[in-house]
Each structure stands twice: as structure tokens, then as C-alpha cells.
Amino acid sequence: MEFTVSTDARLDVVDVTDRVAATVPDDADGTVTVFVDHTTAGVVINEAEPRLLDDVRTFLADVVPDEGWNHDQLDGNADSHLRAMLLGPSATVPVADGDLSLGRWQSVLLIDCDGPRERTVRVV
């Protein structure tokens, strides 16, 4: 199953928990892997509190500067690739009785490091 997510900013965080949950069959038990098939985006599990999401954006921008990378000579988005490498392209979530077994404050977050654009998220 897959769905698309539209992002609004160069560095954007979108809570996709409900969309992931909607792909899980009612009687499913096991795990699902949430995967973004882009080299400049990632998937993580964390809290979707708005101030924390702002902190995530600030953290990624501080850890990986926007400029000064060799790849920028090609297309100007080396920072996006490097940030996505820190995040990873997937997260695995336990499933019980068709429900995501996330902790109380956990959400599935898509982090786009090279937006705004449309991203494809796969759930398998």
C-alpha cells in the first residue's frame, strides 16, 4: 500500500500516523515497515508536538549546514541528502489486532529535507 504526502517547506515534518494506520488490515498482527522511496526524505517515530517539530527542523538545519558541500555543484541539495541519511528511509511499527502498537506519545513522522514537493510513502 502507498500514499502521497505534499509538503509545504524545504524542511518539513508531517505526521502520517493516521494514514499509515488506515493501510493496516483489521485482523493484522506482526509489523509494518513505513518506507519513503526518496533520497532526501526520511521516516522516524517520535512525538508530533508542534514545538518539538520546530525543534526537529532547527536541529537538522544546525547539524547540517545549507551550503558548502561538493554535491551542491550538481543540484544544490547536498544538505537535504545528508539530513536524510541521518534520519533513515524507514521505520518499523508493531501491529496487534489491526492497530499500530505505538507508545502514548509516539507518531510516525515523514521528514522532507528538500521540499516543498510530493512524496510517496509505502507501507509493507
N, C-alpha and C. Protein backbone atom coordinates (compact mmCIF):
# COMPACT_ATOMS: atom_id res chain seq x y z
N MET A 1 0.84 -1.18 0.00
CA MET A 1 0.00 0.00 0.00
C MET A 1 0.89 1.23 0.00
N GLU A 2 0.47 2.27 -0.68
CA GLU A 2 1.22 3.51 -0.66
C GLU A 2 0.29 4.70 -0.71
N PHE A 3 0.80 5.83 -0.28
CA PHE A 3 0.07 7.09 -0.34
C PHE A 3 1.06 8.21 -0.59
N THR A 4 0.55 9.35 -0.98
CA THR A 4 1.42 10.50 -1.23
C THR A 4 1.18 11.57 -0.17
N VAL A 5 2.23 12.31 0.10
CA VAL A 5 2.19 13.40 1.07
C VAL A 5 2.75 14.63 0.40
N SER A 6 2.03 15.72 0.48
CA SER A 6 2.51 17.01 -0.03
C SER A 6 3.11 17.79 1.13
N THR A 7 4.32 18.28 0.93
CA THR A 7 4.97 19.09 1.97
C THR A 7 4.95 20.55 1.56
N ASP A 8 5.10 21.41 2.56
CA ASP A 8 4.92 22.85 2.34
C ASP A 8 6.20 23.67 2.43
N ALA A 9 7.30 23.07 2.91
CA ALA A 9 8.52 23.84 3.12
C ALA A 9 9.73 23.00 2.74
N ARG A 10 10.87 23.65 2.60
CA ARG A 10 12.10 22.92 2.27
C ARG A 10 12.39 21.84 3.31
N LEU A 11 12.27 22.18 4.59
CA LEU A 11 12.47 21.23 5.67
C LEU A 11 11.15 21.15 6.42
N ASP A 12 10.41 20.05 6.20
CA ASP A 12 9.05 19.95 6.71
C ASP A 12 8.86 18.61 7.42
N VAL A 13 8.04 18.60 8.46
CA VAL A 13 7.73 17.39 9.21
C VAL A 13 6.21 17.20 9.17
N VAL A 14 5.79 16.01 8.72
CA VAL A 14 4.37 15.72 8.58
C VAL A 14 4.03 14.45 9.35
N ASP A 15 3.03 14.53 10.22
CA ASP A 15 2.55 13.36 10.96
C ASP A 15 1.70 12.51 10.01
N VAL A 16 2.16 11.29 9.73
CA VAL A 16 1.45 10.40 8.81
C VAL A 16 0.86 9.18 9.53
N THR A 17 0.79 9.25 10.85
CA THR A 17 0.33 8.11 11.65
C THR A 17 -1.03 7.60 11.20
N ASP A 18 -2.00 8.49 11.08
CA ASP A 18 -3.35 8.07 10.70
C ASP A 18 -3.39 7.44 9.32
N ARG A 19 -2.58 7.97 8.41
CA ARG A 19 -2.56 7.41 7.05
C ARG A 19 -1.91 6.04 7.04
N VAL A 20 -0.89 5.85 7.86
CA VAL A 20 -0.28 4.52 7.98
C VAL A 20 -1.28 3.55 8.59
N ALA A 21 -1.93 3.96 9.67
CA ALA A 21 -2.90 3.09 10.35
C ALA A 21 -4.03 2.66 9.41
N ALA A 22 -4.42 3.55 8.51
CA ALA A 22 -5.51 3.23 7.58
C ALA A 22 -5.14 2.13 6.59
N THR A 23 -3.86 1.85 6.43
CA THR A 23 -3.44 0.80 5.49
C THR A 23 -3.39 -0.58 6.12
N VAL A 24 -3.51 -0.66 7.44
CA VAL A 24 -3.35 -1.93 8.14
C VAL A 24 -4.68 -2.67 8.18
N PRO A 25 -4.71 -3.92 7.71
CA PRO A 25 -5.95 -4.71 7.77
C PRO A 25 -6.42 -4.88 9.22
N ASP A 26 -7.73 -4.98 9.41
CA ASP A 26 -8.33 -5.05 10.74
C ASP A 26 -7.84 -6.22 11.58
N ASP A 27 -7.46 -7.32 10.95
CA ASP A 27 -7.05 -8.51 11.70
C ASP A 27 -5.54 -8.72 11.70
N ALA A 28 -4.77 -7.72 11.31
CA ALA A 28 -3.32 -7.88 11.17
C ALA A 28 -2.61 -7.95 12.51
N ASP A 29 -1.61 -8.82 12.56
CA ASP A 29 -0.69 -8.93 13.68
C ASP A 29 0.71 -9.06 13.09
N GLY A 30 1.69 -8.44 13.71
CA GLY A 30 3.05 -8.51 13.21
C GLY A 30 3.70 -7.14 13.21
N THR A 31 4.21 -6.74 12.05
CA THR A 31 4.83 -5.43 11.92
C THR A 31 4.51 -4.85 10.55
N VAL A 32 4.61 -3.54 10.47
CA VAL A 32 4.60 -2.87 9.17
C VAL A 32 5.87 -2.03 9.09
N THR A 33 6.38 -1.92 7.89
CA THR A 33 7.50 -1.03 7.63
C THR A 33 6.98 0.14 6.83
N VAL A 34 7.28 1.33 7.30
CA VAL A 34 6.91 2.57 6.62
C VAL A 34 8.18 3.07 5.94
N PHE A 35 8.12 3.21 4.62
CA PHE A 35 9.32 3.49 3.81
C PHE A 35 9.04 4.64 2.86
N VAL A 36 9.96 5.59 2.79
CA VAL A 36 9.87 6.67 1.82
C VAL A 36 10.95 6.43 0.77
N ASP A 37 10.52 6.36 -0.49
CA ASP A 37 11.48 6.00 -1.54
C ASP A 37 12.08 7.23 -2.21
N HIS A 38 12.67 8.07 -1.39
CA HIS A 38 13.34 9.29 -1.85
C HIS A 38 14.64 9.44 -1.07
N THR A 39 15.67 9.97 -1.71
CA THR A 39 16.97 10.11 -1.05
C THR A 39 17.10 11.40 -0.25
N THR A 40 16.06 12.22 -0.25
CA THR A 40 16.11 13.47 0.51
C THR A 40 14.94 13.59 1.49
N ALA A 41 14.45 12.45 1.96
CA ALA A 41 13.38 12.43 2.96
C ALA A 41 13.61 11.23 3.87
N GLY A 42 13.00 11.26 5.05
CA GLY A 42 13.15 10.17 5.98
C GLY A 42 11.87 9.91 6.75
N VAL A 43 11.86 8.78 7.47
CA VAL A 43 10.73 8.41 8.31
C VAL A 43 11.27 8.11 9.70
N VAL A 44 10.64 8.69 10.72
CA VAL A 44 11.05 8.46 12.10
C VAL A 44 9.81 8.27 12.98
N ILE A 45 10.04 7.73 14.16
CA ILE A 45 9.00 7.62 15.18
C ILE A 45 9.38 8.61 16.28
N ASN A 46 8.47 9.54 16.57
CA ASN A 46 8.70 10.47 17.65
C ASN A 46 7.40 11.18 17.97
N GLU A 47 7.46 12.12 18.87
CA GLU A 47 6.28 12.87 19.29
C GLU A 47 5.94 13.94 18.26
N ALA A 48 4.66 14.13 18.00
CA ALA A 48 4.21 15.10 16.99
C ALA A 48 3.79 16.42 17.62
N GLU A 49 4.35 16.77 18.75
CA GLU A 49 4.04 18.02 19.42
C GLU A 49 4.64 19.17 18.60
N PRO A 50 3.87 20.22 18.27
CA PRO A 50 4.32 21.27 17.36
C PRO A 50 5.65 21.94 17.73
N ARG A 51 5.89 22.19 19.01
CA ARG A 51 7.17 22.81 19.39
C ARG A 51 8.33 21.87 19.16
N LEU A 52 8.11 20.57 19.39
CA LEU A 52 9.16 19.60 19.12
C LEU A 52 9.43 19.51 17.63
N LEU A 53 8.38 19.55 16.81
CA LEU A 53 8.58 19.51 15.36
C LEU A 53 9.39 20.71 14.89
N ASP A 54 9.16 21.87 15.48
CA ASP A 54 10.01 23.04 15.19
C ASP A 54 11.45 22.78 15.60
N ASP A 55 11.62 22.14 16.76
CA ASP A 55 12.97 21.81 17.23
C ASP A 55 13.66 20.83 16.29
N VAL A 56 12.91 19.88 15.74
CA VAL A 56 13.49 18.93 14.79
C VAL A 56 14.03 19.69 13.57
N ARG A 57 13.23 20.60 13.04
CA ARG A 57 13.67 21.41 11.90
C ARG A 57 14.94 22.19 12.23
N THR A 58 14.94 22.83 13.38
CA THR A 58 16.10 23.62 13.81
C THR A 58 17.32 22.73 14.00
N PHE A 59 17.13 21.59 14.64
CA PHE A 59 18.23 20.65 14.88
C PHE A 59 18.87 20.21 13.57
N LEU A 60 18.05 19.77 12.62
CA LEU A 60 18.59 19.30 11.34
C LEU A 60 19.32 20.42 10.60
N ALA A 61 18.77 21.63 10.64
CA ALA A 61 19.43 22.77 9.98
C ALA A 61 20.75 23.12 10.67
N ASP A 62 20.81 22.97 11.99
CA ASP A 62 22.04 23.27 12.72
C ASP A 62 23.10 22.19 12.52
N VAL A 63 22.69 20.94 12.49
CA VAL A 63 23.65 19.83 12.37
C VAL A 63 24.25 19.78 10.97
N VAL A 64 23.44 20.06 9.95
CA VAL A 64 23.91 20.01 8.57
C VAL A 64 23.70 21.39 7.94
N PRO A 65 24.78 22.16 7.78
CA PRO A 65 24.64 23.49 7.17
C PRO A 65 24.08 23.40 5.75
N ASP A 66 23.41 24.46 5.31
CA ASP A 66 22.78 24.50 4.00
C ASP A 66 23.79 24.49 2.85
N GLU A 67 24.94 25.08 3.05
CA GLU A 67 25.88 25.28 1.95
C GLU A 67 27.26 24.74 2.26
N GLY A 68 28.09 24.68 1.20
CA GLY A 68 29.48 24.31 1.35
C GLY A 68 29.79 22.87 1.01
N TRP A 69 28.89 22.18 0.34
CA TRP A 69 29.06 20.77 0.02
C TRP A 69 29.39 20.58 -1.46
N ASN A 70 30.21 19.59 -1.78
CA ASN A 70 30.61 19.33 -3.16
C ASN A 70 29.42 19.03 -4.06
N HIS A 71 28.47 18.27 -3.57
CA HIS A 71 27.30 17.89 -4.38
C HIS A 71 26.48 19.11 -4.81
N ASP A 72 26.61 20.20 -4.09
CA ASP A 72 25.87 21.41 -4.44
C ASP A 72 26.21 21.91 -5.84
N GLN A 73 27.39 21.58 -6.33
CA GLN A 73 27.78 21.98 -7.69
C GLN A 73 26.88 21.32 -8.73
N LEU A 74 26.30 20.19 -8.38
CA LEU A 74 25.42 19.46 -9.29
C LEU A 74 24.00 20.00 -9.24
N ASP A 75 23.39 20.01 -8.05
CA ASP A 75 21.99 20.44 -7.99
C ASP A 75 21.60 21.20 -6.72
N GLY A 76 22.57 21.56 -5.90
CA GLY A 76 22.30 22.45 -4.78
C GLY A 76 21.52 21.87 -3.62
N ASN A 77 21.49 20.54 -3.48
CA ASN A 77 20.71 19.98 -2.37
C ASN A 77 21.47 18.94 -1.55
N ALA A 78 22.78 19.09 -1.46
CA ALA A 78 23.57 18.15 -0.67
C ALA A 78 23.09 18.11 0.77
N ASP A 79 22.73 19.26 1.33
CA ASP A 79 22.25 19.29 2.71
C ASP A 79 21.04 18.39 2.90
N SER A 80 20.17 18.35 1.91
CA SER A 80 18.97 17.50 2.00
C SER A 80 19.34 16.02 2.03
N HIS A 81 20.28 15.62 1.20
CA HIS A 81 20.73 14.23 1.18
C HIS A 81 21.37 13.85 2.52
N LEU A 82 22.22 14.72 3.04
CA LEU A 82 22.92 14.43 4.29
C LEU A 82 21.95 14.36 5.47
N ARG A 83 20.99 15.27 5.51
CA ARG A 83 19.98 15.22 6.58
C ARG A 83 19.17 13.93 6.52
N ALA A 84 18.79 13.53 5.31
CA ALA A 84 18.01 12.30 5.14
C ALA A 84 18.81 11.08 5.56
N MET A 85 20.12 11.10 5.33
CA MET A 85 20.96 9.98 5.76
C MET A 85 20.95 9.83 7.28
N LEU A 86 20.87 10.94 8.00
CA LEU A 86 20.80 10.88 9.46
C LEU A 86 19.48 10.27 9.93
N LEU A 87 18.42 10.51 9.19
CA LEU A 87 17.08 10.06 9.57
C LEU A 87 16.80 8.61 9.21
N GLY A 88 17.22 8.23 8.02
CA GLY A 88 16.90 6.90 7.50
C GLY A 88 15.59 6.89 6.75
N PRO A 89 15.44 5.99 5.78
CA PRO A 89 14.26 5.99 4.92
C PRO A 89 13.06 5.21 5.46
N SER A 90 13.20 4.56 6.64
CA SER A 90 12.09 3.71 7.08
C SER A 90 12.02 3.60 8.59
N ALA A 91 10.86 3.14 9.03
CA ALA A 91 10.64 2.81 10.44
C ALA A 91 9.72 1.59 10.48
N THR A 92 9.94 0.72 11.44
CA THR A 92 9.12 -0.47 11.61
C THR A 92 8.25 -0.29 12.85
N VAL A 93 6.97 -0.63 12.69
CA VAL A 93 5.99 -0.43 13.77
C VAL A 93 5.29 -1.77 14.05
N PRO A 94 5.23 -2.18 15.32
CA PRO A 94 4.47 -3.38 15.66
C PRO A 94 2.97 -3.16 15.42
N VAL A 95 2.27 -4.25 15.09
CA VAL A 95 0.83 -4.21 14.86
C VAL A 95 0.19 -5.34 15.66
N ALA A 96 -0.91 -5.02 16.35
CA ALA A 96 -1.67 -6.03 17.10
C ALA A 96 -3.15 -5.80 16.86
N ASP A 97 -3.83 -6.84 16.41
CA ASP A 97 -5.27 -6.76 16.14
C ASP A 97 -5.63 -5.60 15.22
N GLY A 98 -4.78 -5.36 14.23
CA GLY A 98 -5.06 -4.32 13.24
C GLY A 98 -4.72 -2.91 13.67
N ASP A 99 -4.15 -2.74 14.85
CA ASP A 99 -3.80 -1.41 15.35
C ASP A 99 -2.30 -1.25 15.46
N LEU A 100 -1.81 -0.05 15.15
CA LEU A 100 -0.39 0.25 15.38
C LEU A 100 -0.12 0.23 16.88
N SER A 101 0.93 -0.47 17.28
CA SER A 101 1.28 -0.57 18.70
C SER A 101 2.33 0.47 19.04
N LEU A 102 1.92 1.72 18.96
CA LEU A 102 2.81 2.83 19.28
C LEU A 102 2.63 3.23 20.74
N GLY A 103 3.68 3.79 21.32
CA GLY A 103 3.58 4.32 22.67
C GLY A 103 2.68 5.54 22.71
N ARG A 104 2.31 5.94 23.90
CA ARG A 104 1.35 7.03 24.10
C ARG A 104 1.69 8.29 23.30
N TRP A 105 2.94 8.67 23.25
CA TRP A 105 3.33 9.92 22.59
C TRP A 105 3.99 9.69 21.24
N GLN A 106 4.02 8.46 20.76
CA GLN A 106 4.71 8.17 19.51
C GLN A 106 3.81 8.38 18.30
N SER A 107 4.40 8.94 17.26
CA SER A 107 3.75 9.13 15.96
C SER A 107 4.73 8.76 14.87
N VAL A 108 4.20 8.44 13.70
CA VAL A 108 5.04 8.19 12.53
C VAL A 108 5.16 9.52 11.79
N LEU A 109 6.40 9.97 11.62
CA LEU A 109 6.65 11.28 11.02
C LEU A 109 7.43 11.14 9.72
N LEU A 110 6.95 11.79 8.68
CA LEU A 110 7.70 11.93 7.44
C LEU A 110 8.45 13.25 7.54
N ILE A 111 9.74 13.21 7.30
CA ILE A 111 10.54 14.44 7.31
C ILE A 111 11.09 14.66 5.92
N ASP A 112 10.63 15.73 5.29
CA ASP A 112 11.08 16.10 3.95
C ASP A 112 12.21 17.11 4.11
N CYS A 113 13.36 16.81 3.54
CA CYS A 113 14.52 17.68 3.65
C CYS A 113 14.76 18.49 2.38
N ASP A 114 13.92 18.33 1.36
CA ASP A 114 14.14 19.00 0.08
C ASP A 114 12.80 19.38 -0.56
N GLY A 115 11.91 19.93 0.26
CA GLY A 115 10.59 20.31 -0.26
C GLY A 115 10.58 21.75 -0.71
N PRO A 116 9.40 22.26 -0.96
CA PRO A 116 8.16 21.51 -0.93
C PRO A 116 8.01 20.62 -2.16
N ARG A 117 7.42 19.47 -1.96
CA ARG A 117 7.17 18.53 -3.05
C ARG A 117 6.22 17.44 -2.60
N GLU A 118 5.91 16.55 -3.50
CA GLU A 118 5.06 15.41 -3.18
C GLU A 118 5.94 14.19 -2.97
N ARG A 119 5.70 13.47 -1.86
CA ARG A 119 6.49 12.30 -1.50
C ARG A 119 5.60 11.06 -1.48
N THR A 120 6.17 9.94 -1.89
CA THR A 120 5.47 8.66 -1.84
C THR A 120 5.93 7.88 -0.61
N VAL A 121 4.95 7.43 0.16
CA VAL A 121 5.22 6.64 1.36
C VAL A 121 4.64 5.25 1.13
N ARG A 122 5.45 4.23 1.33
CA ARG A 122 4.99 2.85 1.18
C ARG A 122 4.86 2.20 2.56
N VAL A 123 3.83 1.41 2.72
CA VAL A 123 3.62 0.66 3.95
C VAL A 123 3.53 -0.81 3.56
N VAL A 124 4.48 -1.61 4.05
CA VAL A 124 4.53 -3.04 3.71
C VAL A 124 4.69 -3.88 4.96
